[in-house]
Amino acid sequence: MSETLPALPALPVMPALPVLLVLCAGVVAGMLNSVGGGGTFVALPALVAAGLAPVTANAASTIALVPGAVASAWVYRREITPLGPASTKALTALSVLGGALGAVLVLLLPSASFEAAVPWLLAFATLVLAFGRRLATRLGEALGRPLGMSGRAVLIGQFVLALYGGYFGGAVGIMMFALWSVGLGLDTSTGNPMRVAQLAAVYLSATVLFLFASDALDTPLILAAMLTGAVAGGFTGAHVARRLPERVLRGTILTIAVTMTVLYFVRG
């Protein structure tokens, strides 16, 4: 009489469609971040659609977008120039600190109230990016002196944006452009290498905390798909962006900003 062996438990298999969706979203998110920002608005919904809880998806998107941001920064490494009177080392240090503190807030505070303000923050940043430099010039002419931010003001502004970037991160690159455009008169093609580098600093410090304190690693296949796509998109997008003329790059970034603003208001 033959003995029947007990059936082995089935191994969990991740459906191919969510993985493919997340991979494609990662490519788009990486490219957006390398060109002008807004990658989180693509990565986060894709991860939620793949079954992750919103807080977990927020942590996972930050972790996954780090290598893509680093790849973009590597492409731009020889084109990074200081932001006016602000020290690049101090700026990067505050980006790291703000990103880490923002990640702590994610783990400690409810995100609903802050997410409700995000569409308005994004809309404000888009308007500033579109019209702020022109308004600052007109106001400076009326006052008889050019408007500009001191090195301390730039550093304070960067810390606040890094804090937001570590907490949520949606369109933080667009907000950086808006701040630098008005406060320093910086054009988008000159500022993009520094923006990419600071974005990498913010994401990197937040990622260290998320890796140890969140459950983002519970879905390694989804995370790996997003990460792979973001690296490919970030590297490719940076090569494309650095060859675009100033007017085309600025128009592209404004188009991304307007689109993300509208989509976020519709979504929310």
Protein backbone atom coordinates (compact mmCIF):
# COMPACT_ATOMS: atom_id res chain seq x y z
CA MET A 1 0.00 0.00 0.00
CA SER A 2 1.53 3.27 -1.13
CA GLU A 3 1.79 6.11 1.32
CA THR A 4 0.48 9.48 0.18
CA LEU A 5 2.90 12.30 0.83
CA PRO A 6 1.46 15.55 2.21
CA ALA A 7 1.10 18.29 -0.37
CA LEU A 8 3.67 21.04 -0.20
CA PRO A 9 2.31 24.55 0.35
CA ALA A 10 2.10 26.58 -2.83
CA LEU A 11 4.64 29.34 -3.15
CA PRO A 12 3.14 32.81 -3.60
CA VAL A 13 3.42 33.97 -7.19
CA MET A 14 3.19 37.64 -8.09
CA PRO A 15 1.04 38.14 -11.21
CA ALA A 16 3.03 39.40 -14.17
CA LEU A 17 0.70 42.32 -14.95
CA PRO A 18 1.28 44.31 -11.71
CA VAL A 19 5.04 43.78 -12.03
CA LEU A 20 5.01 45.00 -15.64
CA LEU A 21 2.88 47.99 -14.67
CA VAL A 22 5.28 48.93 -11.89
CA LEU A 23 8.31 48.45 -14.16
CA CYS A 24 6.86 50.81 -16.80
CA ALA A 25 5.84 53.31 -14.13
CA GLY A 26 9.39 53.22 -12.80
CA VAL A 27 10.80 54.09 -16.23
CA VAL A 28 8.42 57.04 -16.57
CA ALA A 29 9.04 58.21 -12.99
CA GLY A 30 12.81 58.06 -13.44
CA MET A 31 12.63 60.05 -16.67
CA LEU A 32 10.33 62.68 -15.14
CA ASN A 33 12.62 63.18 -12.16
CA SER A 34 15.65 63.57 -14.40
CA VAL A 35 13.93 66.12 -16.64
CA GLY A 36 11.91 68.24 -14.25
CA GLY A 37 10.35 66.31 -11.38
CA GLY A 38 7.00 64.75 -10.64
CA GLY A 39 8.09 61.11 -10.73
CA THR A 40 6.41 60.36 -7.40
CA PHE A 41 3.02 61.14 -8.92
CA VAL A 42 3.55 58.24 -11.32
CA ALA A 43 5.34 55.82 -9.00
CA LEU A 44 3.01 56.12 -6.01
CA PRO A 45 -0.31 55.37 -7.78
CA ALA A 46 1.31 52.45 -9.63
CA LEU A 47 2.48 50.89 -6.36
CA VAL A 48 -0.93 51.38 -4.75
CA ALA A 49 -2.55 49.78 -7.83
CA ALA A 50 -0.17 46.84 -7.40
CA GLY A 51 -1.61 46.24 -3.92
CA LEU A 52 0.63 48.19 -1.54
CA ALA A 53 -0.86 50.28 1.24
CA PRO A 54 -0.43 54.03 0.68
CA VAL A 55 2.14 54.52 3.45
CA THR A 56 4.09 51.47 2.29
CA ALA A 57 3.85 52.66 -1.32
CA ASN A 58 5.20 56.06 -0.28
CA ALA A 59 8.23 54.46 1.36
CA ALA A 60 8.73 52.00 -1.52
CA SER A 61 8.60 54.72 -4.16
CA THR A 62 11.25 56.74 -2.33
CA ILE A 63 13.51 53.69 -1.99
CA ALA A 64 13.03 52.70 -5.64
CA LEU A 65 13.64 56.17 -7.03
CA VAL A 66 17.01 56.62 -5.28
CA PRO A 67 19.13 54.65 -7.79
CA GLY A 68 17.47 56.46 -10.70
CA ALA A 69 18.18 59.83 -9.08
CA VAL A 70 21.79 58.80 -8.44
CA ALA A 71 22.13 57.65 -12.06
CA SER A 72 20.84 61.02 -13.27
CA ALA A 73 23.20 62.87 -10.91
CA TRP A 74 26.10 60.83 -12.28
CA VAL A 75 25.26 61.95 -15.81
CA TYR A 76 25.20 65.59 -14.63
CA ARG A 77 28.21 65.35 -12.29
CA ARG A 78 30.43 67.73 -14.31
CA GLU A 79 27.69 70.32 -14.83
CA ILE A 80 26.71 70.99 -11.21
CA THR A 81 27.32 74.66 -10.35
CA PRO A 82 26.76 76.49 -7.02
CA LEU A 83 23.44 78.21 -6.38
CA GLY A 84 24.41 81.84 -6.08
CA PRO A 85 25.79 82.62 -2.62
CA ALA A 86 24.80 79.26 -1.11
CA SER A 87 27.52 76.70 -0.45
CA THR A 88 26.95 73.44 -2.35
CA LYS A 89 28.18 71.39 0.64
CA ALA A 90 25.81 73.19 3.01
CA LEU A 91 22.94 72.84 0.55
CA THR A 92 23.53 69.10 0.22
CA ALA A 93 23.89 68.64 3.99
CA LEU A 94 20.52 70.34 4.56
CA SER A 95 18.94 68.22 1.82
CA VAL A 96 20.18 65.08 3.58
CA LEU A 97 19.00 66.30 7.00
CA GLY A 98 15.62 67.48 5.73
CA GLY A 99 15.03 64.25 3.81
CA ALA A 100 15.79 62.17 6.92
CA LEU A 101 13.52 64.24 9.17
CA GLY A 102 10.75 64.09 6.57
CA ALA A 103 11.00 60.29 6.56
CA VAL A 104 10.70 60.29 10.35
CA LEU A 105 7.47 62.30 10.02
CA VAL A 106 6.10 59.71 7.57
CA LEU A 107 6.61 57.00 10.18
CA LEU A 108 5.18 59.04 13.06
CA LEU A 109 2.35 61.17 11.67
CA PRO A 110 -0.84 60.48 9.68
CA SER A 111 -0.46 61.55 6.07
CA ALA A 112 -4.07 62.42 5.22
CA SER A 113 -3.96 66.08 6.25
CA PHE A 114 -0.64 66.75 4.54
CA GLU A 115 -1.70 65.01 1.34
CA ALA A 116 -4.76 67.27 1.22
CA ALA A 117 -2.42 70.27 0.96
CA VAL A 118 -0.18 68.77 -1.71
CA PRO A 119 -2.32 69.78 -4.76
CA TRP A 120 -2.34 73.39 -3.56
CA LEU A 121 1.40 73.35 -2.92
CA LEU A 122 1.94 71.96 -6.39
CA ALA A 123 -0.38 74.51 -7.99
CA PHE A 124 1.45 77.32 -6.19
CA ALA A 125 4.84 75.98 -7.30
CA THR A 126 3.62 75.70 -10.90
CA LEU A 127 2.41 79.31 -10.93
CA VAL A 128 5.67 80.51 -9.39
CA LEU A 129 7.67 78.51 -11.92
CA ALA A 130 5.63 79.91 -14.81
CA PHE A 131 5.39 83.57 -13.78
CA GLY A 132 7.58 84.10 -10.73
CA ARG A 133 10.79 85.20 -12.45
CA ARG A 134 8.92 87.73 -14.59
CA LEU A 135 7.06 89.12 -11.57
CA ALA A 136 10.28 89.29 -9.55
CA THR A 137 11.95 91.25 -12.36
CA ARG A 138 9.03 93.70 -12.59
CA LEU A 139 8.96 94.16 -8.83
CA GLY A 140 12.72 94.71 -8.75
CA GLU A 141 12.40 97.37 -11.44
CA ALA A 142 9.65 99.08 -9.46
CA LEU A 143 11.78 99.05 -6.32
CA GLY A 144 14.87 100.18 -8.18
CA ARG A 145 16.94 97.17 -7.15
CA PRO A 146 17.07 93.51 -8.19
CA LEU A 147 15.32 90.97 -6.00
CA GLY A 148 17.40 88.08 -4.79
CA MET A 149 17.77 85.58 -1.99
CA SER A 150 20.69 85.58 0.40
CA GLY A 151 22.69 82.42 0.90
CA ARG A 152 20.95 81.87 4.24
CA ALA A 153 17.50 82.23 2.67
CA VAL A 154 18.40 79.71 -0.05
CA LEU A 155 19.56 77.21 2.57
CA ILE A 156 16.44 77.66 4.71
CA GLY A 157 14.22 77.23 1.67
CA GLN A 158 16.11 74.11 0.64
CA PHE A 159 15.75 72.58 4.10
CA VAL A 160 11.98 73.12 4.05
CA LEU A 161 11.73 71.55 0.58
CA ALA A 162 13.92 68.62 1.66
CA LEU A 163 11.66 68.06 4.67
CA TYR A 164 8.67 67.96 2.32
CA GLY A 165 10.62 65.71 -0.06
CA GLY A 166 11.38 63.18 2.66
CA TYR A 167 7.79 63.24 3.88
CA PHE A 168 6.01 62.96 0.56
CA GLY A 169 8.26 64.03 -2.32
CA GLY A 170 5.62 64.77 -4.93
CA ALA A 171 6.97 67.43 -7.32
CA VAL A 172 9.68 68.53 -4.90
CA GLY A 173 11.95 68.99 -7.94
CA ILE A 174 9.42 71.37 -9.49
CA MET A 175 9.26 73.30 -6.22
CA MET A 176 13.06 73.57 -6.18
CA PHE A 177 12.98 75.04 -9.67
CA ALA A 178 10.32 77.53 -8.59
CA LEU A 179 12.35 78.66 -5.57
CA TRP A 180 15.61 79.00 -7.49
CA SER A 181 13.96 80.66 -10.49
CA VAL A 182 12.46 83.48 -8.43
CA GLY A 183 15.05 83.78 -5.68
CA LEU A 184 18.17 83.47 -7.83
CA GLY A 185 16.98 84.12 -11.39
CA LEU A 186 18.32 80.68 -12.33
CA ASP A 187 17.24 79.24 -15.67
CA THR A 188 16.11 75.64 -15.86
CA SER A 189 18.98 74.25 -17.92
CA THR A 190 21.58 75.69 -15.52
CA GLY A 191 19.70 74.61 -12.41
CA ASN A 192 18.72 71.11 -13.52
CA PRO A 193 22.04 69.40 -12.62
CA MET A 194 21.91 70.82 -9.09
CA ARG A 195 18.21 69.93 -8.75
CA VAL A 196 18.93 66.32 -9.71
CA ALA A 197 21.82 66.13 -7.23
CA GLN A 198 19.74 67.56 -4.37
CA LEU A 199 16.85 65.25 -5.22
CA ALA A 200 19.23 62.29 -4.91
CA ALA A 201 20.43 63.58 -1.52
CA VAL A 202 16.87 63.93 -0.20
CA TYR A 203 15.81 60.48 -1.40
CA LEU A 204 18.99 58.80 -0.20
CA SER A 205 18.69 59.92 3.42
CA ALA A 206 14.97 59.11 3.55
CA THR A 207 15.67 55.68 2.09
CA VAL A 208 18.07 54.73 4.88
CA LEU A 209 15.27 55.15 7.42
CA PHE A 210 12.60 53.51 5.26
CA LEU A 211 14.76 50.43 4.74
CA PHE A 212 14.92 49.79 8.49
CA ALA A 213 11.63 51.18 9.76
CA SER A 214 9.01 50.52 7.06
CA ASP A 215 7.59 47.35 5.52
CA ALA A 216 8.54 48.30 1.96
CA LEU A 217 10.83 45.27 1.71
CA ASP A 218 7.89 42.89 2.22
CA THR A 219 7.20 43.00 -1.55
CA PRO A 220 10.70 42.60 -3.03
CA LEU A 221 9.55 41.78 -6.59
CA ILE A 222 7.43 44.91 -6.86
CA LEU A 223 10.20 47.01 -5.36
CA ALA A 224 12.81 45.51 -7.71
CA ALA A 225 10.59 46.21 -10.75
CA MET A 226 10.14 49.87 -9.76
CA LEU A 227 13.82 50.24 -8.98
CA THR A 228 14.95 48.71 -12.30
CA GLY A 229 12.61 50.91 -14.30
CA ALA A 230 13.62 54.06 -12.41
CA VAL A 231 17.33 53.47 -13.04
CA ALA A 232 16.74 52.99 -16.77
CA GLY A 233 14.45 56.02 -16.95
CA GLY A 234 16.71 58.24 -14.84
CA PHE A 235 19.84 57.47 -16.84
CA THR A 236 18.10 57.88 -20.22
CA GLY A 237 16.14 60.96 -19.21
CA ALA A 238 19.23 62.78 -17.95
CA HIS A 239 21.02 62.23 -21.26
CA VAL A 240 17.98 63.58 -23.12
CA ALA A 241 17.43 66.57 -20.81
CA ARG A 242 21.01 67.82 -20.95
CA ARG A 243 20.74 68.12 -24.75
CA LEU A 244 17.49 70.10 -24.76
CA PRO A 245 17.62 73.88 -25.36
CA GLU A 246 16.61 76.08 -22.42
CA ARG A 247 13.23 77.03 -23.91
CA VAL A 248 12.33 73.43 -24.72
CA LEU A 249 13.43 72.16 -21.30
CA ARG A 250 11.51 74.89 -19.49
CA GLY A 251 8.42 74.18 -21.60
CA THR A 252 8.72 70.47 -20.84
CA ILE A 253 9.02 71.08 -17.10
CA LEU A 254 6.05 73.45 -17.10
CA THR A 255 4.00 70.90 -19.04
CA ILE A 256 4.87 68.24 -16.47
CA ALA A 257 4.01 70.62 -13.62
CA VAL A 258 0.63 71.61 -15.08
CA THR A 259 -0.26 68.01 -15.92
CA MET A 260 0.68 66.74 -12.46
CA THR A 261 -1.26 69.57 -10.80
CA VAL A 262 -4.43 68.83 -12.76
CA LEU A 263 -4.13 65.08 -12.24
CA TYR A 264 -3.58 65.47 -8.52
CA PHE A 265 -6.64 67.73 -8.12
CA VAL A 266 -8.73 65.25 -10.12
CA ARG A 267 -7.35 62.34 -8.07
CA GLY A 268 -7.92 64.09 -4.77
